[in-house]
Protein backbone atom coordinates (compact mmCIF):
# COMPACT_ATOMS: atom_id res chain seq x y z
CA MET A 1 0.00 0.00 0.00
CA ILE A 2 1.34 3.40 -0.97
CA ARG A 3 0.13 6.67 0.54
CA LYS A 4 1.21 9.99 -0.92
CA GLU A 5 0.18 13.56 -0.07
CA ILE A 6 0.70 16.58 -2.25
CA VAL A 7 -0.47 20.16 -1.70
CA LEU A 8 -1.62 21.83 -4.90
CA PRO A 9 -1.94 25.63 -5.11
CA ALA A 10 -5.56 25.50 -6.30
CA PRO A 11 -9.06 25.38 -4.82
CA ARG A 12 -10.43 21.93 -4.01
CA GLU A 13 -13.06 22.15 -6.77
CA ASP A 14 -10.37 22.75 -9.42
CA VAL A 15 -8.37 19.74 -8.23
CA TRP A 16 -11.55 17.64 -8.15
CA ASP A 17 -12.30 18.62 -11.75
CA ALA A 18 -8.76 17.68 -12.80
CA LEU A 19 -9.27 14.22 -11.29
CA THR A 20 -12.78 13.55 -12.57
CA GLU A 21 -13.48 15.41 -15.81
CA PRO A 22 -12.40 13.45 -18.90
CA GLU A 23 -11.03 16.54 -20.67
CA ARG A 24 -8.92 17.48 -17.65
CA LEU A 25 -7.66 13.91 -17.13
CA ALA A 26 -6.66 13.88 -20.80
CA ASP A 27 -4.50 16.95 -20.07
CA TRP A 28 -2.26 15.12 -17.63
CA PHE A 29 -2.89 11.37 -17.40
CA ALA A 30 -4.19 9.63 -20.52
CA ASN A 31 -4.94 10.78 -24.07
CA ASP A 32 -8.57 9.69 -24.12
CA VAL A 33 -10.69 9.25 -20.99
CA ASP A 34 -14.27 8.18 -20.25
CA VAL A 35 -15.65 8.48 -16.72
CA ASP A 36 -19.04 7.47 -15.30
CA LEU A 37 -18.75 9.19 -11.92
CA ARG A 38 -21.03 7.07 -9.75
CA PRO A 39 -20.49 3.90 -7.71
CA GLY A 40 -20.40 1.02 -10.19
CA GLY A 41 -19.62 3.40 -13.06
CA GLY A 42 -16.87 2.63 -15.53
CA MET A 43 -13.65 4.46 -16.26
CA SER A 44 -11.57 3.98 -19.42
CA PHE A 45 -8.10 5.36 -20.03
CA ARG A 46 -6.45 5.18 -23.46
CA TRP A 47 -2.94 6.34 -24.36
CA SER A 48 -1.49 7.23 -27.75
CA ASN A 49 0.73 4.12 -27.67
CA GLY A 50 -2.39 1.91 -27.83
CA GLU A 51 -2.44 1.00 -24.14
CA GLU A 52 -5.92 0.91 -22.60
CA ARG A 53 -6.99 0.35 -19.00
CA HIS A 54 -10.40 0.12 -17.39
CA ALA A 55 -11.60 0.64 -13.83
CA THR A 56 -14.81 0.64 -11.81
CA VAL A 57 -15.74 3.51 -9.49
CA THR A 58 -16.36 2.21 -5.97
CA GLU A 59 -17.02 5.42 -4.00
CA VAL A 60 -17.72 9.07 -4.80
CA GLU A 61 -18.16 12.00 -2.44
CA HIS A 62 -18.23 15.00 -4.76
CA GLY A 63 -15.32 17.35 -4.20
CA ARG A 64 -13.87 15.23 -1.40
CA ARG A 65 -13.30 11.57 -2.25
CA LEU A 66 -13.02 9.25 -5.25
CA ALA A 67 -12.15 5.56 -5.12
CA PHE A 68 -11.94 3.03 -7.91
CA GLU A 69 -10.49 -0.37 -8.66
CA TRP A 70 -8.76 -1.43 -11.83
CA ASP A 71 -10.47 -4.13 -13.91
CA GLY A 72 -9.10 -7.34 -15.42
CA ALA A 73 -5.45 -8.35 -15.38
CA VAL A 74 -4.44 -4.78 -14.50
CA ALA A 75 -6.34 -5.18 -11.20
CA GLU A 76 -3.79 -7.71 -9.96
CA GLU A 77 -0.94 -5.32 -10.78
CA LEU A 78 -2.49 -1.96 -9.80
CA GLY A 79 -5.40 -2.81 -7.45
CA GLU A 80 -7.36 0.03 -5.91
CA VAL A 81 -6.87 3.79 -5.91
CA GLU A 82 -8.38 6.33 -3.52
CA PHE A 83 -8.16 10.13 -3.80
CA THR A 84 -9.08 12.32 -0.83
CA LEU A 85 -9.14 16.11 -1.10
CA ALA A 86 -9.02 18.55 1.81
CA ASP A 87 -8.65 22.29 2.07
CA ASP A 88 -5.16 23.46 3.00
CA ASP A 89 -3.79 26.94 3.78
CA ASP A 90 -1.77 26.68 0.54
CA GLY A 91 -4.60 25.29 -1.64
CA THR A 92 -5.73 21.66 -1.64
CA ARG A 93 -4.17 18.67 0.07
CA LEU A 94 -4.55 15.65 -2.21
CA THR A 95 -3.97 12.26 -0.60
CA VAL A 96 -3.56 9.23 -2.86
CA VAL A 97 -3.71 5.71 -1.45
CA GLU A 98 -3.02 2.90 -3.88
CA SER A 99 -1.71 -0.61 -4.27
CA SER A 100 0.87 0.50 -6.87
CA PRO A 101 2.76 3.77 -7.43
CA ALA A 102 1.22 4.48 -10.85
CA TRP A 103 -0.89 7.48 -9.75
CA SER A 104 1.68 8.81 -7.31
CA THR A 105 4.29 8.82 -10.04
CA ALA A 106 1.91 10.54 -12.47
CA LEU A 107 1.05 13.16 -9.84
CA ASP A 108 4.70 13.85 -9.11
CA LEU A 109 5.37 14.40 -12.81
CA GLN A 110 2.20 16.28 -13.68
CA ALA A 111 1.06 18.11 -10.52
CA SER A 112 1.34 21.50 -12.16
CA ALA A 113 -0.89 20.33 -15.03
CA LEU A 114 -3.64 19.61 -12.51
CA VAL A 115 -3.97 23.27 -11.69
CA CYS A 116 -2.63 24.96 -14.81
CA ALA A 117 -4.83 23.24 -17.39
């Protein structure tokens, strides 16, 4: 289990949008994204190299919490991901808990895109 916290210099709603809106996710994570933002809803991530991954939303608390689990063979490798957002004096504290460092690594590399897009 990996837990990572990052403070982003943006309001919580902006960070939430960057994590949940397909157009914003396409800015920093995958090239083409589909999201059905409700428990049981599907998520699809496609990259320009042909890679495609799917996930199922497990929990949603608008503006505060999003959890999902990867589907298929990727689930064994990447497992579950949980995002929690909280107000911080410097913007928004984003906590990521996951079975694999995939999201943490992406956030480290693309944190500025979350708030600048």
